[in-house]
Amino acid sequence: MDFRAEARYIRISPQKARLVLNTIKGRRVEDAMTTLAFMKKGIAPTVSKLLRSAVENANYLSTEKGLDVEIDNLFVKDAVANEGPRMKRIRPAPMGRAYRYQRRIAHLIIVLGEKHAKEAEVTTVAEEGAKAAKPAPRKRVPAKKTVAKKSAGKKQVAKKK
């Protein structure tokens, strides 16, 4: 079962929000909360609030629908920052001109999933990085046998008599 929470029309560029969301993706909820608490990015408190909302949605649905959900087994299944509408603004420029620029808006979505006891533990970002750092094993290709070429001897020059 998946549980989600959405925050729409957040005044930050989606690119900046993705930096924070990618750090918590795939982590357990407790680890993600701790990471967000100590992160220095400006969007981190908003993402933390959204993560708490997703956990509360899971808690509410488990009691309301009678689902058996272990809050301790929840992990961040997906975290997405989509682009919202852009606000077009104008800045004064020299000689009576105007420069146009755009203020970006993001829609944040966090999806939580439940990790069952029989499934493997959720890997952390550090473990994934260690796995990615190891090169894939190479296949051994048998060396081709090269045929030794007979080198032609020096040509003997006929001696004049």
N, C-alpha and C. Protein backbone atom coordinates (compact mmCIF):
# COMPACT_ATOMS: atom_id res chain seq x y z
N MET A 1 0.85 -1.18 0.00
CA MET A 1 0.00 0.00 0.00
C MET A 1 0.90 1.24 0.00
N ASP A 2 0.54 2.21 -0.81
CA ASP A 2 1.30 3.46 -0.89
C ASP A 2 0.51 4.59 -0.24
N PHE A 3 1.24 5.46 0.44
CA PHE A 3 0.64 6.63 1.10
C PHE A 3 1.36 7.86 0.56
N ARG A 4 0.59 8.89 0.20
CA ARG A 4 1.22 10.05 -0.40
C ARG A 4 0.75 11.35 0.22
N ALA A 5 1.59 12.35 0.03
CA ALA A 5 1.26 13.71 0.46
C ALA A 5 1.78 14.65 -0.63
N GLU A 6 1.04 15.74 -0.82
CA GLU A 6 1.36 16.67 -1.89
C GLU A 6 1.41 18.09 -1.35
N ALA A 7 2.37 18.85 -1.79
CA ALA A 7 2.44 20.29 -1.49
C ALA A 7 2.51 21.00 -2.83
N ARG A 8 1.55 21.84 -3.08
CA ARG A 8 1.48 22.49 -4.39
C ARG A 8 1.78 23.98 -4.27
N TYR A 9 2.25 24.54 -5.37
CA TYR A 9 2.54 25.97 -5.48
C TYR A 9 3.55 26.45 -4.43
N ILE A 10 4.62 25.70 -4.29
CA ILE A 10 5.71 26.08 -3.38
C ILE A 10 6.66 26.99 -4.15
N ARG A 11 7.01 28.13 -3.57
CA ARG A 11 7.82 29.14 -4.25
C ARG A 11 9.30 28.80 -4.21
N ILE A 12 9.67 27.80 -4.96
CA ILE A 12 11.07 27.43 -5.13
C ILE A 12 11.19 26.76 -6.49
N SER A 13 12.35 26.84 -7.08
CA SER A 13 12.50 26.19 -8.38
C SER A 13 12.53 24.67 -8.16
N PRO A 14 11.94 23.92 -9.06
CA PRO A 14 11.91 22.47 -8.91
C PRO A 14 13.31 21.85 -8.87
N GLN A 15 14.26 22.47 -9.54
CA GLN A 15 15.63 21.95 -9.55
C GLN A 15 16.23 21.98 -8.15
N LYS A 16 16.00 23.06 -7.42
CA LYS A 16 16.52 23.16 -6.06
C LYS A 16 15.80 22.18 -5.13
N ALA A 17 14.51 22.00 -5.34
CA ALA A 17 13.76 21.06 -4.51
C ALA A 17 14.21 19.62 -4.75
N ARG A 18 14.56 19.31 -5.99
CA ARG A 18 15.00 17.94 -6.31
C ARG A 18 16.29 17.58 -5.60
N LEU A 19 17.15 18.57 -5.35
CA LEU A 19 18.39 18.30 -4.63
C LEU A 19 18.11 17.71 -3.25
N VAL A 20 17.10 18.24 -2.58
CA VAL A 20 16.74 17.76 -1.25
C VAL A 20 15.98 16.45 -1.34
N LEU A 21 15.04 16.36 -2.28
CA LEU A 21 14.20 15.15 -2.38
C LEU A 21 15.01 13.93 -2.78
N ASN A 22 16.04 14.11 -3.60
CA ASN A 22 16.86 12.97 -4.01
C ASN A 22 17.69 12.41 -2.86
N THR A 23 17.99 13.24 -1.86
CA THR A 23 18.77 12.74 -0.72
C THR A 23 17.95 11.83 0.19
N ILE A 24 16.63 12.04 0.22
CA ILE A 24 15.80 11.21 1.12
C ILE A 24 15.13 10.05 0.40
N LYS A 25 15.21 10.02 -0.92
CA LYS A 25 14.54 8.97 -1.68
C LYS A 25 15.15 7.61 -1.36
N GLY A 26 14.31 6.64 -1.03
CA GLY A 26 14.77 5.29 -0.74
C GLY A 26 15.14 5.06 0.72
N ARG A 27 15.11 6.07 1.55
CA ARG A 27 15.49 5.93 2.96
C ARG A 27 14.28 5.63 3.83
N ARG A 28 14.55 5.09 5.00
CA ARG A 28 13.49 4.90 5.99
C ARG A 28 13.04 6.27 6.47
N VAL A 29 11.79 6.35 6.95
CA VAL A 29 11.21 7.63 7.34
C VAL A 29 12.02 8.30 8.45
N GLU A 30 12.45 7.51 9.44
CA GLU A 30 13.23 8.07 10.55
C GLU A 30 14.53 8.68 10.05
N ASP A 31 15.22 7.96 9.17
CA ASP A 31 16.48 8.46 8.63
C ASP A 31 16.26 9.74 7.80
N ALA A 32 15.17 9.74 7.03
CA ALA A 32 14.87 10.90 6.21
C ALA A 32 14.57 12.13 7.07
N MET A 33 13.83 11.93 8.17
CA MET A 33 13.51 13.04 9.08
C MET A 33 14.78 13.61 9.70
N THR A 34 15.68 12.72 10.11
CA THR A 34 16.94 13.16 10.71
C THR A 34 17.79 13.93 9.69
N THR A 35 17.84 13.41 8.47
CA THR A 35 18.60 14.08 7.41
C THR A 35 18.06 15.47 7.15
N LEU A 36 16.74 15.58 7.06
CA LEU A 36 16.12 16.88 6.78
C LEU A 36 16.31 17.86 7.92
N ALA A 37 16.35 17.36 9.16
CA ALA A 37 16.51 18.24 10.32
C ALA A 37 17.86 18.95 10.30
N PHE A 38 18.89 18.30 9.76
CA PHE A 38 20.23 18.87 9.78
C PHE A 38 20.68 19.42 8.43
N MET A 39 19.77 19.46 7.47
CA MET A 39 20.12 19.97 6.15
C MET A 39 20.01 21.49 6.13
N LYS A 40 20.93 22.15 5.43
CA LYS A 40 20.98 23.62 5.43
C LYS A 40 20.21 24.25 4.29
N LYS A 41 19.57 23.46 3.45
CA LYS A 41 18.81 24.02 2.33
C LYS A 41 17.52 24.66 2.84
N GLY A 42 17.09 25.72 2.17
CA GLY A 42 15.91 26.46 2.61
C GLY A 42 14.61 25.69 2.47
N ILE A 43 14.55 24.72 1.56
CA ILE A 43 13.33 23.95 1.34
C ILE A 43 13.21 22.77 2.30
N ALA A 44 14.27 22.46 3.04
CA ALA A 44 14.28 21.28 3.93
C ALA A 44 13.14 21.29 4.96
N PRO A 45 12.84 22.42 5.63
CA PRO A 45 11.71 22.39 6.58
C PRO A 45 10.37 22.11 5.91
N THR A 46 10.18 22.59 4.70
CA THR A 46 8.94 22.33 3.97
C THR A 46 8.83 20.85 3.61
N VAL A 47 9.92 20.26 3.17
CA VAL A 47 9.93 18.84 2.82
C VAL A 47 9.71 17.99 4.07
N SER A 48 10.29 18.42 5.19
CA SER A 48 10.10 17.70 6.46
C SER A 48 8.63 17.72 6.87
N LYS A 49 8.00 18.86 6.70
CA LYS A 49 6.58 19.00 7.03
C LYS A 49 5.73 18.11 6.11
N LEU A 50 6.10 18.05 4.84
CA LEU A 50 5.40 17.21 3.88
C LEU A 50 5.58 15.73 4.21
N LEU A 51 6.77 15.35 4.64
CA LEU A 51 7.04 13.96 5.03
C LEU A 51 6.22 13.57 6.25
N ARG A 52 6.14 14.49 7.22
CA ARG A 52 5.29 14.23 8.41
C ARG A 52 3.83 14.06 8.00
N SER A 53 3.39 14.86 7.04
CA SER A 53 2.02 14.76 6.55
C SER A 53 1.76 13.40 5.90
N ALA A 54 2.73 12.89 5.15
CA ALA A 54 2.58 11.58 4.51
C ALA A 54 2.51 10.47 5.56
N VAL A 55 3.31 10.60 6.63
CA VAL A 55 3.27 9.61 7.71
C VAL A 55 1.91 9.66 8.42
N GLU A 56 1.40 10.87 8.63
CA GLU A 56 0.08 10.99 9.27
C GLU A 56 -1.03 10.45 8.37
N ASN A 57 -0.88 10.63 7.05
CA ASN A 57 -1.84 10.03 6.13
C ASN A 57 -1.83 8.51 6.23
N ALA A 58 -0.64 7.94 6.35
CA ALA A 58 -0.52 6.49 6.52
C ALA A 58 -1.16 6.04 7.82
N ASN A 59 -0.92 6.80 8.88
CA ASN A 59 -1.48 6.48 10.20
C ASN A 59 -3.01 6.57 10.16
N TYR A 60 -3.52 7.61 9.53
CA TYR A 60 -4.96 7.82 9.44
C TYR A 60 -5.64 6.71 8.63
N LEU A 61 -5.06 6.37 7.48
CA LEU A 61 -5.65 5.33 6.65
C LEU A 61 -5.59 3.97 7.31
N SER A 62 -4.54 3.73 8.10
CA SER A 62 -4.44 2.44 8.78
C SER A 62 -5.53 2.30 9.84
N THR A 63 -5.86 3.39 10.54
CA THR A 63 -6.93 3.30 11.55
C THR A 63 -8.31 3.37 10.91
N GLU A 64 -8.46 4.17 9.87
CA GLU A 64 -9.77 4.37 9.24
C GLU A 64 -10.22 3.15 8.45
N LYS A 65 -9.33 2.60 7.66
CA LYS A 65 -9.69 1.47 6.81
C LYS A 65 -9.34 0.12 7.42
N GLY A 66 -8.78 0.14 8.60
CA GLY A 66 -8.44 -1.12 9.27
C GLY A 66 -7.24 -1.82 8.65
N LEU A 67 -6.38 -1.08 8.01
CA LEU A 67 -5.18 -1.69 7.43
C LEU A 67 -4.15 -1.93 8.52
N ASP A 68 -3.36 -2.95 8.32
CA ASP A 68 -2.29 -3.26 9.27
C ASP A 68 -1.00 -2.64 8.76
N VAL A 69 -0.74 -1.39 9.16
CA VAL A 69 0.43 -0.67 8.70
C VAL A 69 1.38 -0.44 9.86
N GLU A 70 2.62 -0.87 9.69
CA GLU A 70 3.66 -0.61 10.68
C GLU A 70 4.34 0.71 10.30
N ILE A 71 4.18 1.71 11.14
CA ILE A 71 4.77 3.02 10.85
C ILE A 71 6.30 2.93 10.83
N ASP A 72 6.86 2.01 11.62
CA ASP A 72 8.32 1.86 11.67
C ASP A 72 8.90 1.29 10.38
N ASN A 73 8.06 0.59 9.59
CA ASN A 73 8.55 -0.03 8.35
C ASN A 73 8.36 0.84 7.12
N LEU A 74 7.91 2.07 7.30
CA LEU A 74 7.69 2.94 6.16
C LEU A 74 9.01 3.49 5.62
N PHE A 75 9.07 3.63 4.32
CA PHE A 75 10.24 4.23 3.68
C PHE A 75 9.76 5.15 2.56
N VAL A 76 10.61 6.06 2.14
CA VAL A 76 10.27 7.01 1.09
C VAL A 76 10.42 6.28 -0.25
N LYS A 77 9.30 5.91 -0.82
CA LYS A 77 9.30 5.16 -2.07
C LYS A 77 9.60 6.06 -3.25
N ASP A 78 9.02 7.26 -3.24
CA ASP A 78 9.23 8.19 -4.34
C ASP A 78 9.12 9.62 -3.82
N ALA A 79 9.94 10.49 -4.33
CA ALA A 79 9.89 11.92 -3.96
C ALA A 79 10.14 12.71 -5.24
N VAL A 80 9.15 13.50 -5.64
CA VAL A 80 9.18 14.16 -6.93
C VAL A 80 8.92 15.65 -6.76
N ALA A 81 9.62 16.46 -7.56
CA ALA A 81 9.35 17.90 -7.63
C ALA A 81 9.01 18.22 -9.07
N ASN A 82 7.73 18.48 -9.32
CA ASN A 82 7.28 18.84 -10.66
C ASN A 82 7.19 20.35 -10.78
N GLU A 83 7.18 20.82 -12.00
CA GLU A 83 7.12 22.26 -12.23
C GLU A 83 5.67 22.74 -12.23
N GLY A 84 5.44 23.85 -11.56
CA GLY A 84 4.12 24.47 -11.55
C GLY A 84 4.09 25.62 -12.52
N PRO A 85 3.09 26.47 -12.43
CA PRO A 85 3.03 27.63 -13.32
C PRO A 85 4.14 28.61 -12.99
N ARG A 86 4.61 29.31 -14.00
CA ARG A 86 5.68 30.30 -13.79
C ARG A 86 5.06 31.68 -13.69
N MET A 87 5.63 32.49 -12.81
CA MET A 87 5.19 33.88 -12.70
C MET A 87 6.12 34.73 -13.57
N LYS A 88 5.54 35.45 -14.51
CA LYS A 88 6.34 36.31 -15.38
C LYS A 88 6.48 37.68 -14.72
N ARG A 89 7.71 38.13 -14.61
CA ARG A 89 7.99 39.42 -13.98
C ARG A 89 8.85 40.26 -14.91
N ILE A 90 8.85 41.57 -14.65
CA ILE A 90 9.63 42.50 -15.46
C ILE A 90 10.54 43.31 -14.55
N ARG A 91 11.80 43.46 -14.98
CA ARG A 91 12.79 44.23 -14.23
C ARG A 91 13.21 45.42 -15.07
N PRO A 92 13.27 46.59 -14.49
CA PRO A 92 13.70 47.75 -15.28
C PRO A 92 15.14 47.58 -15.77
N ALA A 93 15.37 48.05 -16.97
CA ALA A 93 16.68 47.95 -17.60
C ALA A 93 17.09 49.34 -18.07
N PRO A 94 18.34 49.52 -18.46
CA PRO A 94 18.80 50.85 -18.89
C PRO A 94 18.08 51.35 -20.14
N MET A 95 18.02 52.66 -20.28
CA MET A 95 17.45 53.34 -21.45
C MET A 95 15.97 53.03 -21.65
N GLY A 96 15.24 52.90 -20.55
CA GLY A 96 13.80 52.71 -20.64
C GLY A 96 13.35 51.32 -21.07
N ARG A 97 14.26 50.40 -21.16
CA ARG A 97 13.90 49.04 -21.55
C ARG A 97 13.47 48.25 -20.34
N ALA A 98 13.03 47.00 -20.58
CA ALA A 98 12.64 46.12 -19.49
C ALA A 98 13.13 44.70 -19.79
N TYR A 99 13.65 44.05 -18.76
CA TYR A 99 14.08 42.66 -18.89
C TYR A 99 13.01 41.78 -18.26
N ARG A 100 12.64 40.72 -18.98
CA ARG A 100 11.66 39.78 -18.44
C ARG A 100 12.38 38.63 -17.76
N TYR A 101 11.82 38.16 -16.65
CA TYR A 101 12.35 36.96 -16.00
C TYR A 101 11.18 36.19 -15.43
N GLN A 102 11.46 34.95 -15.04
CA GLN A 102 10.38 34.07 -14.57
C GLN A 102 10.70 33.56 -13.17
N ARG A 103 9.68 33.61 -12.32
CA ARG A 103 9.79 33.03 -10.98
C ARG A 103 9.17 31.65 -11.05
N ARG A 104 9.94 30.66 -10.66
CA ARG A 104 9.47 29.28 -10.79
C ARG A 104 8.72 28.82 -9.55
N ILE A 105 7.81 27.88 -9.75
CA ILE A 105 6.98 27.32 -8.69
C ILE A 105 7.05 25.79 -8.83
N ALA A 106 7.05 25.10 -7.69
CA ALA A 106 7.17 23.64 -7.71
C ALA A 106 5.96 22.99 -7.03
N HIS A 107 5.62 21.80 -7.50
CA HIS A 107 4.66 20.92 -6.84
C HIS A 107 5.46 19.74 -6.30
N LEU A 108 5.43 19.52 -4.99
CA LEU A 108 6.20 18.44 -4.37
C LEU A 108 5.27 17.28 -4.05
N ILE A 109 5.72 16.06 -4.33
CA ILE A 109 4.95 14.86 -4.03
C ILE A 109 5.88 13.86 -3.35
N ILE A 110 5.43 13.33 -2.21
CA ILE A 110 6.18 12.28 -1.51
C ILE A 110 5.28 11.07 -1.39
N VAL A 111 5.79 9.90 -1.78
CA VAL A 111 5.06 8.64 -1.69
C VAL A 111 5.81 7.73 -0.74
N LEU A 112 5.09 7.21 0.25
CA LEU A 112 5.68 6.28 1.21
C LEU A 112 5.19 4.87 0.90
N GLY A 113 6.06 3.91 1.09
CA GLY A 113 5.72 2.50 0.93
C GLY A 113 6.07 1.77 2.20
N GLU A 114 5.50 0.57 2.34
CA GLU A 114 5.79 -0.22 3.54
C GLU A 114 6.72 -1.35 3.17
N LYS A 115 7.80 -1.48 3.91
CA LYS A 115 8.77 -2.54 3.70
C LYS A 115 8.40 -3.67 4.63
N HIS A 116 8.09 -4.83 4.07
CA HIS A 116 7.70 -5.97 4.90
C HIS A 116 8.94 -6.64 5.47
N ALA A 117 8.76 -7.41 6.54
CA ALA A 117 9.89 -8.03 7.23
C ALA A 117 10.62 -9.03 6.33
N LYS A 118 9.88 -9.72 5.46
CA LYS A 118 10.52 -10.72 4.61
C LYS A 118 11.34 -10.11 3.48
N GLU A 119 11.05 -8.84 3.13
CA GLU A 119 11.82 -8.17 2.09
C GLU A 119 13.16 -7.69 2.66
N ALA A 120 14.07 -7.43 1.79
CA ALA A 120 15.40 -6.98 2.21
C ALA A 120 15.31 -5.56 2.76
N GLU A 121 16.30 -5.19 3.56
CA GLU A 121 16.34 -3.85 4.14
C GLU A 121 16.53 -2.81 3.05
N VAL A 122 16.05 -1.62 3.31
CA VAL A 122 16.22 -0.52 2.36
C VAL A 122 17.67 -0.09 2.39
N THR A 123 18.27 0.04 1.22
CA THR A 123 19.67 0.45 1.18
C THR A 123 19.76 1.96 1.33
N THR A 124 20.79 2.38 1.98
CA THR A 124 20.99 3.81 2.15
C THR A 124 21.72 4.35 0.93
N VAL A 125 21.79 5.64 0.84
CA VAL A 125 22.43 6.28 -0.30
C VAL A 125 23.93 5.95 -0.33
N ALA A 126 24.56 5.86 0.84
CA ALA A 126 25.99 5.56 0.91
C ALA A 126 26.27 4.15 0.38
N GLU A 127 25.39 3.19 0.72
CA GLU A 127 25.58 1.83 0.24
C GLU A 127 25.39 1.76 -1.28
N GLU A 128 24.41 2.52 -1.80
CA GLU A 128 24.20 2.54 -3.23
C GLU A 128 25.41 3.11 -3.95
N GLY A 129 26.00 4.15 -3.35
CA GLY A 129 27.19 4.76 -3.94
C GLY A 129 28.36 3.79 -3.96
N ALA A 130 28.48 2.99 -2.89
CA ALA A 130 29.56 2.02 -2.82
C ALA A 130 29.37 0.94 -3.88
N LYS A 131 28.11 0.53 -4.09
CA LYS A 131 27.84 -0.48 -5.11
C LYS A 131 28.13 0.07 -6.49
N ALA A 132 27.77 1.33 -6.72
CA ALA A 132 27.98 1.93 -8.03
C ALA A 132 29.46 2.16 -8.30
N ALA A 133 30.26 2.34 -7.25
CA ALA A 133 31.67 2.62 -7.42
C ALA A 133 32.44 1.38 -7.89
N LYS A 134 31.93 0.18 -7.56
CA LYS A 134 32.62 -1.03 -7.97
C LYS A 134 32.37 -1.29 -9.44
N PRO A 135 33.44 -1.54 -10.20
CA PRO A 135 33.22 -1.82 -11.61
C PRO A 135 32.62 -3.20 -11.80
N ALA A 136 31.89 -3.37 -12.87
CA ALA A 136 31.27 -4.66 -13.17
C ALA A 136 32.37 -5.66 -13.53
N PRO A 137 32.19 -6.92 -13.12
CA PRO A 137 33.22 -7.91 -13.45
C PRO A 137 33.31 -8.09 -14.96
N ARG A 138 34.54 -8.19 -15.44
CA ARG A 138 34.76 -8.31 -16.87
C ARG A 138 34.79 -9.78 -17.26
N LYS A 139 34.26 -10.05 -18.45
CA LYS A 139 34.31 -11.42 -18.94
C LYS A 139 35.70 -11.69 -19.48
N ARG A 140 36.17 -12.89 -19.22
CA ARG A 140 37.49 -13.26 -19.74
C ARG A 140 37.32 -13.78 -21.14
N VAL A 141 37.97 -13.15 -22.03
CA VAL A 141 37.93 -13.57 -23.42
C VAL A 141 39.24 -14.31 -23.69
N PRO A 142 39.14 -15.56 -24.16
CA PRO A 142 40.40 -16.29 -24.41
C PRO A 142 41.20 -15.59 -25.50
N ALA A 143 42.49 -15.55 -25.26
CA ALA A 143 43.37 -14.88 -26.21
C ALA A 143 43.44 -15.68 -27.50
N LYS A 144 43.44 -14.99 -28.61
CA LYS A 144 43.52 -15.65 -29.90
C LYS A 144 44.96 -16.11 -30.12
N LYS A 145 45.06 -17.32 -30.64
CA LYS A 145 46.40 -17.83 -30.92
C LYS A 145 46.89 -17.20 -32.21
N THR A 146 48.03 -16.63 -32.09
CA THR A 146 48.61 -16.02 -33.29
C THR A 146 49.61 -16.98 -33.89
N VAL A 147 49.56 -17.07 -35.16
CA VAL A 147 50.49 -17.95 -35.86
C VAL A 147 51.77 -17.18 -36.09
N ALA A 148 52.87 -17.78 -35.66
CA ALA A 148 54.16 -17.11 -35.84
C ALA A 148 54.55 -17.16 -37.30
N LYS A 149 54.83 -16.02 -37.83
CA LYS A 149 55.24 -15.96 -39.23
C LYS A 149 56.73 -16.25 -39.32
N LYS A 150 57.05 -17.01 -40.31
CA LYS A 150 58.47 -17.28 -40.52
C LYS A 150 59.07 -16.06 -41.17
N SER A 151 60.10 -15.62 -40.56
CA SER A 151 60.73 -14.44 -41.15
C SER A 151 61.62 -14.89 -42.31
N ALA A 152 61.50 -14.17 -43.33
CA ALA A 152 62.33 -14.51 -44.51
C ALA A 152 63.77 -14.12 -44.20
N GLY A 153 64.64 -14.98 -44.52
CA GLY A 153 66.05 -14.72 -44.27
C GLY A 153 66.55 -13.63 -45.21
N LYS A 154 67.73 -13.18 -44.97
CA LYS A 154 68.29 -12.15 -45.83
C LYS A 154 68.55 -12.75 -47.21
N LYS A 155 68.24 -11.95 -48.18
CA LYS A 155 68.52 -12.42 -49.53
C LYS A 155 70.02 -12.40 -49.76
N GLN A 156 70.43 -13.45 -50.32
CA GLN A 156 71.87 -13.51 -50.59
C GLN A 156 72.12 -12.94 -51.98
N VAL A 157 73.03 -12.09 -52.01
CA VAL A 157 73.38 -11.47 -53.27
C VAL A 157 74.42 -12.38 -53.95
N ALA A 158 74.15 -12.61 -55.20
CA ALA A 158 75.08 -13.46 -55.95
C ALA A 158 76.42 -12.75 -56.09
N LYS A 159 77.44 -13.45 -55.82
CA LYS A 159 78.76 -12.85 -55.90
C LYS A 159 79.26 -12.93 -57.34
N LYS A 160 79.88 -11.90 -57.72
CA LYS A 160 80.46 -11.88 -59.06
C LYS A 160 81.81 -12.58 -59.01
N LYS A 161 82.05 -13.34 -60.04
CA LYS A 161 83.31 -14.06 -60.07
C LYS A 161 84.33 -13.38 -60.91
